[in-house]
Amino acid sequence: MPLPGAQKSRLDRAVSPQPARPHPSVRVASILSLPLPELSRKLRDGSLSPEHVFYAYVGKALQLAIETNCITEYLEESETQMRKMKLTEKPGLLYGVPVSIKDSIDCQGHDSTLGFIKNLNKPAAEDSVVVQVLRRQGAIPFVKTNIPQSLISYDCKNLLFGQTFNPLLYTRSPGGSSGGEGALVGGGGSILGFGTDVGGSLRFPAAFCGICALKPTGNRLSKRGIMAGVLGQKAVVAAVGPMAKDVESLALGMRALLCEDMFNLDSTVPPLPFNEEVYSSTQPLRIGYYETDFFTMPSPTMRRAVRETKQLLEDAGHTLVPFELMNVDYAIFNFCVRGLFTDGGASFVKKFKGELEKSSMGLFFWLAKSPNWLKIFLSWIAKPFVPRFSAIIRSMRANTVDEVWSLHNEIEDFCHQFIAQWKKLNLDVMLCPMLGPALGIGYPGKLSVAVSYTMLYNALDFPVGVVPVTLVTDEDEEELKGYQGYFRDWWDRTLAKAFRGSAGMPVAVQCVALPWQEELCLRFMKEVETLVLEKNRLD
């Protein structure tokens, strides 16, 4: 349960501000139904007022906050910003658009808690670069959204704000760590949200809540003023990115951010403006694909989602080429787990000092605090019986500086080998599975191994987007009864339980491009989205 007392008053403000109500003549439902490009046009040409749009979304967001517990704070200064807005000759691309911001992204005067008590009442001195650019483009950040404690999780629960629920089915997780964003955007309470991703933290919430998201190459958008789960680690690359109901909205969000303001505010970001020519191209694509990574057995719907999308793309004139993933288990254990916890998990555990909740990570904390010799011994004993658990214990060993440098070199080699395989097949983009449907509340904390489909692309630092393509059917549910997994261990049995009872829930695919090719990634996502919508209309 969340903390009582002072923290409750913060939540009261989050769900019960007293904004002015829209005029009775304003049709709130029609405003909320507008896609972002159209809403933006109407705001910029003056046919819709920022005030009407703002209060339409505030009202819907507060309803979602009550239903799903997705909002941590209402940014009261957003009302002042909205009232001061005046149409200029060249209004920003997001003029008058209310946007939501993940808890870990700094907004001046507000906490970035990461779900930790120690971070309460420590307001950010200034906006993160992303928020500064959004404001300069006319956007109005109006709420901050919930996260799991520490961010290193794909659920969405902490002691300060409690559990966030999936707006499509309250017994399901909204995903994480950008789970509040997923629930708010998925439920229609925000038209454009921003989160972060170090192992799937944008993609899980988008897939679980039936929306779209883009994880860019790590340094395409500025991360200045954005809190990280594990500070300073470079092996598994984090990124900040947009979430929205459709791909065109993501593209508009990227257009707005990839501007001179961002490049000037953070000179470490490459000055690459949005490439319209690549995004709007209609040339047929050569697309690699795979149905499984042979580490996490896909649910029946995941496999079907890739197969059906492949068929749609082929029918539309694109070329689909099988891609054989290699050494995914090695990459997950040695690059991702070892990369995140190169110091044996010491700095991660330190974050929890004095905190009251460590969620379901008791065993992890015990391991992190154990000496290397004990980890090696336990790994050796466990290997014949539970090989995945054995590999995780081994990957949690504290490394010397020399070993860290070797690890970084090995990851670089792996990346170049992956790109060489990609180029040998002459691929433009890649289609692959996304974990789904949404797992039941509490399951993500027990199933950290299931991040294999997403975290691979953080280690590679490739841009990846998710697009919902299908819904779980009764036939999928029936087929799930035979699900055993590749390792047939406790994790596989638990994942089978976590998938069950999901008829009608969305399942997405991942669309991947090579580093710095976000526009091509979005173009591919748009193609998938268009073909799926056409198919659904015909059906």
Protein backbone atom coordinates (compact mmCIF):
# COMPACT_ATOMS: atom_id res chain seq x y z
CA MET A 1 0.00 0.00 0.00
CA PRO A 2 1.19 3.56 -0.62
CA LEU A 3 2.34 5.67 2.32
CA PRO A 4 -0.34 7.54 4.29
CA GLY A 5 -0.21 11.15 5.44
CA ALA A 6 1.89 13.70 3.61
CA GLN A 7 2.30 11.57 0.52
CA LYS A 8 -1.45 11.09 0.25
CA SER A 9 -1.90 14.85 0.01
CA ARG A 10 0.47 14.83 -2.99
CA LEU A 11 -1.69 12.20 -4.63
CA ASP A 12 -4.82 14.17 -3.83
CA ARG A 13 -3.31 17.04 -5.78
CA ALA A 14 -2.45 14.64 -8.59
CA VAL A 15 -6.01 13.39 -8.94
CA SER A 16 -8.03 16.30 -7.57
CA PRO A 17 -6.79 19.67 -8.81
CA GLN A 18 -9.47 22.30 -9.34
CA PRO A 19 -9.01 23.38 -12.95
CA ALA A 20 -11.68 25.37 -14.73
CA ARG A 21 -14.19 23.27 -16.62
CA PRO A 22 -14.57 23.57 -20.38
CA HIS A 23 -17.53 25.58 -21.64
CA PRO A 24 -20.69 23.45 -22.06
CA SER A 25 -20.58 24.07 -25.83
CA VAL A 26 -17.16 22.38 -26.08
CA ARG A 27 -17.49 18.77 -27.20
CA VAL A 28 -14.85 17.05 -25.08
CA ALA A 29 -15.32 13.67 -26.78
CA SER A 30 -14.67 15.16 -30.22
CA ILE A 31 -11.44 16.81 -28.97
CA LEU A 32 -10.24 13.56 -27.39
CA SER A 33 -11.00 11.65 -30.60
CA LEU A 34 -8.71 13.81 -32.77
CA PRO A 35 -5.38 12.24 -33.77
CA LEU A 36 -2.38 14.35 -32.79
CA PRO A 37 -1.50 15.70 -36.27
CA GLU A 38 -5.08 16.94 -36.74
CA LEU A 39 -5.33 18.31 -33.19
CA SER A 40 -2.03 20.12 -33.68
CA ARG A 41 -3.21 21.65 -36.97
CA LYS A 42 -6.44 22.90 -35.39
CA LEU A 43 -4.54 24.42 -32.48
CA ARG A 44 -2.07 26.15 -34.78
CA ASP A 45 -4.70 27.52 -37.18
CA GLY A 46 -6.79 28.79 -34.26
CA SER A 47 -9.87 26.64 -34.86
CA LEU A 48 -9.35 25.02 -31.44
CA SER A 49 -8.27 26.90 -28.32
CA PRO A 50 -5.44 25.57 -26.11
CA GLU A 51 -7.76 26.03 -23.11
CA HIS A 52 -10.47 23.72 -24.45
CA VAL A 53 -7.93 21.05 -25.42
CA PHE A 54 -6.08 21.36 -22.11
CA TYR A 55 -9.13 20.88 -19.90
CA ALA A 56 -10.48 18.07 -22.08
CA TYR A 57 -7.27 16.13 -21.45
CA VAL A 58 -6.99 17.13 -17.78
CA GLY A 59 -10.49 15.76 -17.18
CA LYS A 60 -9.78 12.49 -18.99
CA ALA A 61 -6.39 12.13 -17.29
CA LEU A 62 -7.92 12.55 -13.85
CA GLN A 63 -10.53 9.90 -14.65
CA LEU A 64 -7.70 7.54 -15.72
CA ALA A 65 -5.73 8.40 -12.57
CA ILE A 66 -8.66 7.28 -10.41
CA GLU A 67 -9.16 4.10 -12.46
CA THR A 68 -5.55 3.03 -12.99
CA ASN A 69 -3.40 5.05 -10.53
CA CYS A 70 -1.13 6.20 -13.37
CA ILE A 71 -0.42 9.83 -12.35
CA THR A 72 2.05 10.85 -9.64
CA GLU A 73 1.73 14.62 -9.90
CA TYR A 74 -0.39 17.27 -11.60
CA LEU A 75 1.88 20.09 -12.82
CA GLU A 76 -0.11 23.10 -11.63
CA GLU A 77 2.06 25.57 -13.58
CA SER A 78 0.72 23.97 -16.78
CA GLU A 79 -2.46 26.04 -16.36
CA THR A 80 -0.41 29.23 -16.20
CA GLN A 81 1.58 28.17 -19.27
CA MET A 82 -1.65 27.40 -21.16
CA ARG A 83 -3.26 30.77 -20.30
CA LYS A 84 -0.17 32.70 -21.41
CA MET A 85 -0.11 31.01 -24.82
CA LYS A 86 -0.57 33.32 -27.78
CA LEU A 87 -0.57 32.32 -31.43
CA THR A 88 2.54 33.70 -33.07
CA GLU A 89 3.34 33.82 -36.78
CA LYS A 90 5.20 30.52 -36.49
CA PRO A 91 3.80 28.54 -33.55
CA GLY A 92 5.75 25.46 -32.47
CA LEU A 93 4.93 22.05 -33.92
CA LEU A 94 3.23 21.08 -30.64
CA TYR A 95 1.56 24.43 -29.92
CA GLY A 96 -1.07 23.94 -27.20
CA VAL A 97 -0.66 20.13 -27.03
CA PRO A 98 -0.83 18.71 -23.47
CA VAL A 99 1.93 16.12 -22.98
CA SER A 100 2.64 13.68 -20.13
CA ILE A 101 6.08 13.05 -18.67
CA LYS A 102 7.51 10.00 -16.89
CA ASP A 103 8.48 10.48 -13.21
CA SER A 104 12.21 10.07 -13.96
CA ILE A 105 12.31 12.97 -16.47
CA ASP A 106 13.07 16.23 -14.66
CA CYS A 107 10.48 19.00 -14.62
CA GLN A 108 11.55 22.14 -12.77
CA GLY A 109 10.09 22.37 -9.27
CA HIS A 110 8.95 18.73 -9.20
CA ASP A 111 10.46 15.54 -7.77
CA SER A 112 11.88 12.77 -9.92
CA THR A 113 11.39 10.06 -7.28
CA LEU A 114 12.12 6.75 -9.08
CA GLY A 115 9.72 5.45 -6.43
CA PHE A 116 12.21 6.10 -3.59
CA ILE A 117 11.25 7.83 -0.34
CA LYS A 118 14.68 9.49 -0.18
CA ASN A 119 13.91 11.39 -3.42
CA LEU A 120 10.77 13.03 -2.02
CA ASN A 121 10.81 16.80 -1.64
CA LYS A 122 13.91 17.18 -3.79
CA PRO A 123 12.49 19.16 -6.71
CA ALA A 124 14.49 19.44 -9.93
CA ALA A 125 16.33 22.76 -10.31
CA GLU A 126 15.53 22.92 -14.03
CA ASP A 127 13.69 21.12 -16.80
CA SER A 128 15.43 18.27 -18.60
CA VAL A 129 16.52 19.18 -22.13
CA VAL A 130 13.62 17.17 -23.60
CA VAL A 131 11.08 19.11 -21.51
CA GLN A 132 12.75 22.43 -22.37
CA VAL A 133 12.48 21.64 -26.10
CA LEU A 134 8.87 20.46 -25.74
CA ARG A 135 7.96 23.77 -24.09
CA ARG A 136 9.75 25.75 -26.84
CA GLN A 137 7.70 23.80 -29.38
CA GLY A 138 4.53 24.94 -27.60
CA ALA A 139 3.74 21.67 -25.77
CA ILE A 140 2.27 21.85 -22.26
CA PRO A 141 3.66 19.20 -19.86
CA PHE A 142 0.72 18.71 -17.48
CA VAL A 143 1.28 15.52 -15.46
CA LYS A 144 4.07 13.21 -14.32
CA THR A 145 3.39 9.49 -14.39
CA ASN A 146 4.12 6.42 -12.30
CA ILE A 147 7.09 4.06 -12.43
CA PRO A 148 8.35 0.96 -10.59
CA GLN A 149 10.76 1.48 -7.69
CA SER A 150 14.29 1.93 -9.18
CA LEU A 151 13.03 1.73 -12.84
CA ILE A 152 14.73 -1.67 -13.28
CA SER A 153 11.47 -3.55 -13.76
CA TYR A 154 8.75 -3.91 -16.35
CA ASP A 155 5.95 -3.70 -13.80
CA CYS A 156 4.74 -0.39 -12.32
CA LYS A 157 4.58 -0.35 -8.52
CA ASN A 158 6.31 1.52 -5.70
CA LEU A 159 5.71 2.37 -2.07
CA LEU A 160 5.07 6.08 -2.71
CA PHE A 161 2.33 5.84 -5.31
CA GLY A 162 1.26 2.20 -5.29
CA GLN A 163 0.41 -0.12 -8.20
CA THR A 164 -0.63 1.16 -11.62
CA PHE A 165 -3.19 -0.96 -13.47
CA ASN A 166 -3.66 -1.68 -17.16
CA PRO A 167 -6.53 0.48 -18.53
CA LEU A 168 -7.67 -2.38 -20.80
CA LEU A 169 -7.94 -4.94 -17.99
CA TYR A 170 -7.31 -3.97 -14.36
CA THR A 171 -5.98 -7.41 -13.38
CA ARG A 172 -3.08 -6.91 -15.82
CA SER A 173 0.15 -4.98 -15.50
CA PRO A 174 0.50 -1.87 -17.69
CA GLY A 175 4.16 -2.81 -18.19
CA GLY A 176 7.13 -0.72 -17.11
CA SER A 177 9.12 1.10 -16.32
CA SER A 178 7.19 3.78 -18.27
CA GLY A 179 4.00 2.11 -17.00
CA GLY A 180 2.15 5.24 -15.94
CA GLU A 181 2.68 6.63 -19.43
CA GLY A 182 1.42 3.41 -21.01
CA ALA A 183 -1.74 3.42 -18.88
CA LEU A 184 -2.43 7.14 -19.40
CA VAL A 185 -1.84 7.18 -23.17
CA GLY A 186 -3.50 3.75 -23.61
CA GLY A 187 -6.58 4.95 -21.72
CA GLY A 188 -6.83 8.16 -23.76
CA GLY A 189 -5.77 10.57 -20.99
CA SER A 190 -2.72 11.84 -22.88
CA ILE A 191 -2.19 12.23 -26.62
CA LEU A 192 1.62 12.18 -26.43
CA GLY A 193 3.81 10.88 -23.62
CA PHE A 194 7.53 10.56 -23.01
CA GLY A 195 9.33 7.76 -21.23
CA THR A 196 12.67 5.97 -21.11
CA ASP A 197 13.89 2.50 -22.07
CA VAL A 198 16.91 0.50 -20.83
CA GLY A 199 15.53 -2.99 -21.42
CA GLY A 200 12.10 -2.48 -22.93
CA SER A 201 10.70 0.21 -20.61
CA LEU A 202 8.94 2.08 -23.45
CA ARG A 203 8.06 -1.02 -25.43
CA PHE A 204 6.50 -3.14 -22.65
CA PRO A 205 3.93 -0.48 -21.62
CA ALA A 206 3.10 0.30 -25.25
CA ALA A 207 2.61 -3.37 -26.14
CA PHE A 208 0.70 -4.20 -22.93
CA CYS A 209 -1.62 -1.17 -23.29
CA GLY A 210 -2.20 -1.44 -27.06
CA ILE A 211 -0.36 1.70 -28.22
CA CYS A 212 2.81 2.59 -30.15
CA ALA A 213 6.24 3.64 -28.89
CA LEU A 214 9.68 4.35 -30.31
CA LYS A 215 12.95 3.61 -28.54
CA PRO A 216 15.50 5.65 -30.50
CA THR A 217 19.24 5.07 -30.72
CA GLY A 218 20.57 5.96 -27.26
CA ASN A 219 21.91 9.41 -28.06
CA ARG A 220 19.46 10.57 -30.75
CA LEU A 221 17.52 12.52 -28.10
CA SER A 222 19.13 14.25 -25.13
CA LYS A 223 19.19 12.42 -21.79
CA ARG A 224 20.34 15.46 -19.80
CA GLY A 225 18.11 15.86 -16.76
CA ILE A 226 16.82 12.29 -16.94
CA MET A 227 17.37 9.95 -14.00
CA ALA A 228 18.73 6.45 -14.61
CA GLY A 229 18.15 3.17 -12.79
CA VAL A 230 21.89 2.40 -12.73
CA LEU A 231 23.97 5.55 -13.10
CA GLY A 232 27.01 5.51 -15.35
CA GLN A 233 26.71 2.03 -16.85
CA LYS A 234 27.31 2.04 -20.61
CA ALA A 235 26.93 -1.61 -21.64
CA VAL A 236 23.12 -1.59 -21.93
CA VAL A 237 22.15 1.69 -23.59
CA ALA A 238 19.20 3.70 -22.28
CA ALA A 239 17.09 5.97 -24.49
CA VAL A 240 14.27 8.49 -24.11
CA GLY A 241 11.37 8.32 -26.55
CA PRO A 242 7.71 9.06 -27.35
CA MET A 243 4.53 7.02 -26.77
CA ALA A 244 1.25 7.61 -28.60
CA LYS A 245 -1.77 5.83 -30.05
CA ASP A 246 -0.44 5.89 -33.62
CA VAL A 247 2.84 6.11 -35.54
CA GLU A 248 2.18 9.52 -37.12
CA SER A 249 1.98 11.00 -33.61
CA LEU A 250 5.37 9.48 -32.73
CA ALA A 251 6.82 10.98 -35.91
CA LEU A 252 5.43 14.41 -35.01
CA GLY A 253 6.95 14.11 -31.53
CA MET A 254 10.35 13.26 -33.04
CA ARG A 255 10.08 16.10 -35.60
CA ALA A 256 9.43 18.54 -32.76
CA LEU A 257 12.38 17.34 -30.66
CA LEU A 258 14.98 16.97 -33.43
CA CYS A 259 15.53 20.70 -33.81
CA GLU A 260 18.20 23.36 -33.29
CA ASP A 261 17.01 23.95 -29.72
CA MET A 262 17.90 20.38 -28.73
CA PHE A 263 21.24 20.44 -30.53
CA ASN A 264 22.14 23.75 -28.86
CA LEU A 265 20.98 22.75 -25.38
CA ASP A 266 22.94 19.47 -25.55
CA SER A 267 25.92 19.54 -27.89
CA THR A 268 26.62 15.83 -27.29
CA VAL A 269 23.50 14.98 -29.34
CA PRO A 270 24.35 14.62 -33.06
CA PRO A 271 22.70 17.46 -35.03
CA LEU A 272 20.53 15.18 -37.17
CA PRO A 273 17.18 16.83 -37.96
CA PHE A 274 14.20 14.62 -38.83
CA ASN A 275 14.64 13.14 -42.32
CA GLU A 276 11.27 13.61 -44.04
CA GLU A 277 12.42 11.98 -47.27
CA VAL A 278 13.18 8.66 -45.54
CA TYR A 279 9.97 8.72 -43.48
CA SER A 280 7.70 9.47 -46.45
CA SER A 281 9.37 7.03 -48.88
CA THR A 282 7.15 4.40 -50.52
CA GLN A 283 9.94 2.19 -51.88
CA PRO A 284 9.44 -1.54 -51.17
CA LEU A 285 11.47 -2.73 -48.19
CA ARG A 286 13.66 -5.76 -47.69
CA ILE A 287 12.67 -7.00 -44.25
CA GLY A 288 14.35 -9.59 -42.04
CA TYR A 289 12.16 -11.49 -39.59
CA TYR A 290 12.22 -14.14 -36.90
CA GLU A 291 9.43 -15.73 -34.84
CA THR A 292 11.46 -16.64 -31.77
CA ASP A 293 14.75 -15.86 -30.07
CA PHE A 294 14.97 -19.47 -28.77
CA PHE A 295 15.35 -18.10 -25.24
CA THR A 296 11.81 -17.01 -24.32
CA MET A 297 9.28 -19.21 -26.10
CA PRO A 298 6.74 -16.89 -27.77
CA SER A 299 3.10 -17.15 -26.72
CA PRO A 300 0.85 -18.45 -29.51
CA THR A 301 -0.35 -14.88 -30.19
CA MET A 302 3.22 -13.55 -30.43
CA ARG A 303 4.09 -16.13 -33.07
CA ARG A 304 0.86 -15.51 -34.96
CA ALA A 305 1.40 -11.74 -34.80
CA VAL A 306 4.75 -12.07 -36.62
CA ARG A 307 3.40 -14.56 -39.18
CA GLU A 308 0.33 -12.49 -40.03
CA THR A 309 2.33 -9.26 -40.25
CA LYS A 310 4.90 -10.99 -42.49
CA GLN A 311 2.09 -12.11 -44.80
CA LEU A 312 0.56 -8.62 -44.95
CA LEU A 313 3.95 -7.11 -45.82
CA GLU A 314 4.62 -9.70 -48.53
CA ASP A 315 1.17 -9.15 -50.04
CA ALA A 316 1.95 -5.40 -50.13
CA GLY A 317 5.07 -6.02 -52.24
CA HIS A 318 7.82 -6.08 -49.62
CA THR A 319 10.47 -8.83 -49.50
CA LEU A 320 10.67 -10.89 -46.29
CA VAL A 321 13.88 -12.73 -45.45
CA PRO A 322 14.35 -15.17 -42.54
CA PHE A 323 16.95 -13.96 -40.02
CA GLU A 324 18.64 -16.44 -37.72
CA LEU A 325 19.39 -15.05 -34.27
CA MET A 326 22.51 -16.49 -32.71
CA ASN A 327 23.77 -16.66 -29.12
CA VAL A 328 20.83 -14.76 -27.61
CA ASP A 329 21.24 -16.57 -24.28
CA TYR A 330 24.91 -15.54 -24.18
CA ALA A 331 23.98 -11.94 -25.03
CA ILE A 332 21.29 -11.80 -22.34
CA PHE A 333 23.47 -13.19 -19.55
CA ASN A 334 26.88 -11.80 -20.47
CA PHE A 335 25.97 -8.47 -22.04
CA CYS A 336 22.64 -7.46 -20.50
CA VAL A 337 22.65 -8.89 -16.95
CA ARG A 338 26.41 -8.60 -16.52
CA GLY A 339 26.43 -5.22 -18.27
CA LEU A 340 23.78 -3.72 -15.98
CA PHE A 341 25.35 -5.15 -12.83
CA THR A 342 29.06 -5.10 -13.67
CA ASP A 343 29.89 -4.18 -10.08
CA GLY A 344 28.01 -7.23 -8.85
CA GLY A 345 24.90 -5.12 -8.26
CA ALA A 346 26.53 -3.06 -5.47
CA SER A 347 25.56 0.41 -6.78
CA PHE A 348 22.02 -0.77 -7.53
CA VAL A 349 21.55 -2.21 -4.04
CA LYS A 350 22.97 1.00 -2.53
CA LYS A 351 19.99 2.92 -3.98
CA PHE A 352 17.67 0.92 -1.72
CA LYS A 353 19.46 1.76 1.52
CA GLY A 354 16.89 3.06 4.00
CA GLU A 355 13.95 2.24 1.70
CA LEU A 356 11.01 0.23 3.02
CA GLU A 357 10.23 -1.82 -0.05
CA LYS A 358 12.37 -4.02 -2.21
CA SER A 359 9.36 -5.60 -3.97
CA SER A 360 10.09 -9.20 -5.07
CA MET A 361 13.86 -8.80 -5.27
CA GLY A 362 14.85 -10.48 -2.00
CA LEU A 363 16.92 -13.19 -3.70
CA PHE A 364 18.51 -10.64 -6.03
CA PHE A 365 19.59 -8.49 -3.06
CA TRP A 366 21.03 -11.49 -1.25
CA LEU A 367 22.99 -12.43 -4.38
CA ALA A 368 24.23 -8.89 -4.95
CA LYS A 369 25.58 -8.74 -1.41
CA SER A 370 27.27 -12.17 -1.64
CA PRO A 371 31.03 -12.46 -2.29
CA ASN A 372 32.25 -13.54 -5.73
CA TRP A 373 33.48 -16.93 -4.52
CA LEU A 374 29.98 -17.79 -3.24
CA LYS A 375 28.34 -16.71 -6.52
CA ILE A 376 30.77 -18.87 -8.53
CA PHE A 377 30.19 -21.84 -6.20
CA LEU A 378 26.38 -21.51 -6.31
CA SER A 379 26.45 -21.13 -10.09
CA TRP A 380 28.45 -24.33 -10.41
CA ILE A 381 26.05 -26.28 -8.13
CA ALA A 382 22.91 -24.95 -9.88
CA LYS A 383 24.08 -25.48 -13.48
CA PRO A 384 22.89 -29.12 -13.98
CA PHE A 385 19.46 -28.41 -12.45
CA VAL A 386 18.57 -24.81 -13.32
CA PRO A 387 20.96 -23.62 -16.07
CA ARG A 388 19.34 -20.17 -16.51
CA PHE A 389 19.49 -19.42 -12.80
CA SER A 390 23.10 -20.62 -12.77
CA ALA A 391 23.97 -18.24 -15.63
CA ILE A 392 22.32 -15.29 -13.85
CA ILE A 393 24.29 -15.98 -10.65
CA ARG A 394 27.50 -16.15 -12.68
CA SER A 395 26.62 -12.88 -14.48
CA MET A 396 26.13 -11.12 -11.14
CA ARG A 397 29.84 -11.44 -10.31
CA ALA A 398 31.73 -8.20 -9.58
CA ASN A 399 34.19 -7.45 -12.40
CA THR A 400 37.66 -5.97 -12.41
CA VAL A 401 38.33 -2.85 -14.54
CA ASP A 402 40.13 -5.03 -17.08
CA GLU A 403 37.07 -7.31 -17.29
CA VAL A 404 34.75 -4.31 -17.77
CA TRP A 405 36.84 -3.07 -20.71
CA SER A 406 36.84 -6.58 -22.19
CA LEU A 407 33.05 -6.72 -21.81
CA HIS A 408 32.60 -3.42 -23.65
CA ASN A 409 34.90 -4.64 -26.41
CA GLU A 410 32.94 -7.91 -26.67
CA ILE A 411 29.64 -6.03 -26.96
CA GLU A 412 31.10 -3.89 -29.77
CA ASP A 413 32.24 -7.04 -31.61
CA PHE A 414 28.79 -8.62 -31.17
CA CYS A 415 27.16 -5.48 -32.58
CA HIS A 416 29.43 -5.47 -35.64
CA GLN A 417 28.77 -9.19 -36.23
CA PHE A 418 25.01 -8.58 -36.02
CA ILE A 419 25.26 -5.70 -38.51
CA ALA A 420 27.43 -7.83 -40.83
CA GLN A 421 24.76 -10.57 -40.83
CA TRP A 422 22.10 -7.86 -41.48
CA LYS A 423 24.06 -6.41 -44.41
CA LYS A 424 24.88 -9.82 -45.87
CA LEU A 425 21.11 -10.29 -46.27
CA ASN A 426 20.85 -6.72 -47.62
CA LEU A 427 18.12 -5.83 -45.13
CA ASP A 428 16.49 -2.44 -44.63
CA VAL A 429 14.65 -3.27 -41.39
CA MET A 430 13.69 -6.19 -39.16
CA LEU A 431 10.36 -7.58 -37.92
CA CYS A 432 10.41 -9.49 -34.65
CA PRO A 433 8.23 -10.55 -31.71
CA MET A 434 7.28 -8.41 -28.72
CA LEU A 435 6.43 -10.05 -25.40
CA GLY A 436 2.69 -10.18 -24.95
CA PRO A 437 -0.12 -10.19 -24.04
CA ALA A 438 0.11 -8.09 -20.85
CA LEU A 439 1.13 -10.21 -17.88
CA GLY A 440 -0.98 -10.37 -14.74
CA ILE A 441 -0.24 -7.94 -11.89
CA GLY A 442 2.86 -9.07 -9.98
CA TYR A 443 4.16 -11.40 -12.69
CA PRO A 444 6.76 -9.11 -14.33
CA GLY A 445 8.77 -9.02 -11.07
CA LYS A 446 9.01 -12.83 -11.19
CA LEU A 447 9.86 -12.98 -14.91
CA SER A 448 12.90 -10.79 -15.49
CA VAL A 449 14.26 -13.39 -17.95
CA ALA A 450 11.38 -12.58 -20.35
CA VAL A 451 13.04 -9.27 -21.35
CA SER A 452 15.11 -11.13 -23.96
CA TYR A 453 13.11 -9.85 -26.97
CA THR A 454 13.56 -6.20 -25.97
CA MET A 455 16.84 -5.92 -24.09
CA LEU A 456 18.84 -7.35 -26.99
CA TYR A 457 18.32 -4.07 -28.86
CA ASN A 458 19.48 -1.97 -25.90
CA ALA A 459 22.75 -3.92 -25.90
CA LEU A 460 22.98 -3.39 -29.69
CA ASP A 461 21.71 0.22 -29.38
CA PHE A 462 19.37 -0.09 -32.39
CA PRO A 463 16.20 2.01 -32.78
CA VAL A 464 13.07 -0.11 -32.20
CA GLY A 465 9.36 0.62 -32.26
CA VAL A 466 6.31 -1.38 -31.25
CA VAL A 467 3.00 -1.47 -33.13
CA PRO A 468 -0.08 -3.42 -31.93
CA VAL A 469 -1.15 -5.83 -34.67
CA THR A 470 -3.61 -8.37 -33.25
CA LEU A 471 -5.71 -9.49 -30.27
CA VAL A 472 -5.53 -12.75 -28.31
CA THR A 473 -8.17 -15.20 -29.54
CA ASP A 474 -9.86 -18.15 -27.84
CA GLU A 475 -7.85 -20.38 -30.18
CA ASP A 476 -4.63 -18.80 -28.89
CA GLU A 477 -5.78 -19.47 -25.33
CA GLU A 478 -6.44 -23.11 -26.18
CA GLU A 479 -3.02 -23.47 -27.83
CA LEU A 480 -1.38 -21.89 -24.77
CA LYS A 481 -2.31 -25.01 -22.78
CA GLY A 482 0.58 -26.77 -24.52
CA TYR A 483 3.11 -24.02 -23.69
CA GLN A 484 6.22 -25.49 -22.05
CA GLY A 485 9.04 -23.07 -22.89
CA TYR A 486 12.55 -23.90 -24.07
CA PHE A 487 14.08 -24.57 -20.65
CA ARG A 488 11.00 -26.06 -18.93
CA ASP A 489 12.11 -24.43 -15.71
CA TRP A 490 10.20 -22.46 -13.06
CA TRP A 491 10.35 -19.30 -15.20
CA ASP A 492 8.79 -21.03 -18.22
CA ARG A 493 5.99 -22.50 -16.09
CA THR A 494 5.33 -19.11 -14.48
CA LEU A 495 5.27 -17.33 -17.85
CA ALA A 496 2.62 -19.77 -19.11
CA LYS A 497 0.44 -18.84 -16.10
CA ALA A 498 1.09 -15.12 -16.64
CA PHE A 499 -0.16 -15.29 -20.26
CA ARG A 500 -3.43 -17.10 -19.41
CA GLY A 501 -6.89 -15.53 -19.49
CA SER A 502 -5.98 -12.83 -22.01
CA ALA A 503 -8.58 -13.21 -24.76
CA GLY A 504 -9.17 -9.81 -26.37
CA MET A 505 -5.91 -8.26 -25.15
CA PRO A 506 -3.55 -6.66 -27.72
CA VAL A 507 -0.24 -8.09 -28.91
CA ALA A 508 2.38 -6.08 -30.79
CA VAL A 509 5.41 -6.66 -32.99
CA GLN A 510 8.78 -4.91 -32.87
CA CYS A 511 10.09 -2.98 -35.87
CA VAL A 512 13.88 -2.56 -35.87
CA ALA A 513 16.33 -0.44 -37.89
CA LEU A 514 20.08 0.14 -37.79
CA PRO A 515 21.53 2.82 -35.48
CA TRP A 516 20.54 6.45 -36.23
CA GLN A 517 17.81 5.33 -38.65
CA GLU A 518 14.79 6.33 -36.54
CA GLU A 519 12.97 7.71 -39.58
CA LEU A 520 13.29 4.38 -41.42
CA CYS A 521 12.11 2.58 -38.27
CA LEU A 522 9.05 4.88 -38.11
CA ARG A 523 8.41 4.45 -41.83
CA PHE A 524 8.38 0.65 -41.36
CA MET A 525 6.12 0.99 -38.30
CA LYS A 526 3.74 3.16 -40.33
CA GLU A 527 3.64 0.52 -43.07
CA VAL A 528 2.77 -2.21 -40.54
CA GLU A 529 0.13 -0.02 -38.88
CA THR A 530 -1.50 0.89 -42.22
CA LEU A 531 -1.65 -2.72 -43.43
CA VAL A 532 -3.13 -3.95 -40.12
CA LEU A 533 -5.78 -1.20 -40.15
CA GLU A 534 -6.71 -2.05 -43.76
CA LYS A 535 -6.99 -5.75 -42.92
CA ASN A 536 -9.18 -4.99 -39.88
CA ARG A 537 -11.48 -2.80 -42.01
CA LEU A 538 -11.90 -5.60 -44.55
CA ASP A 539 -12.52 -8.17 -41.82
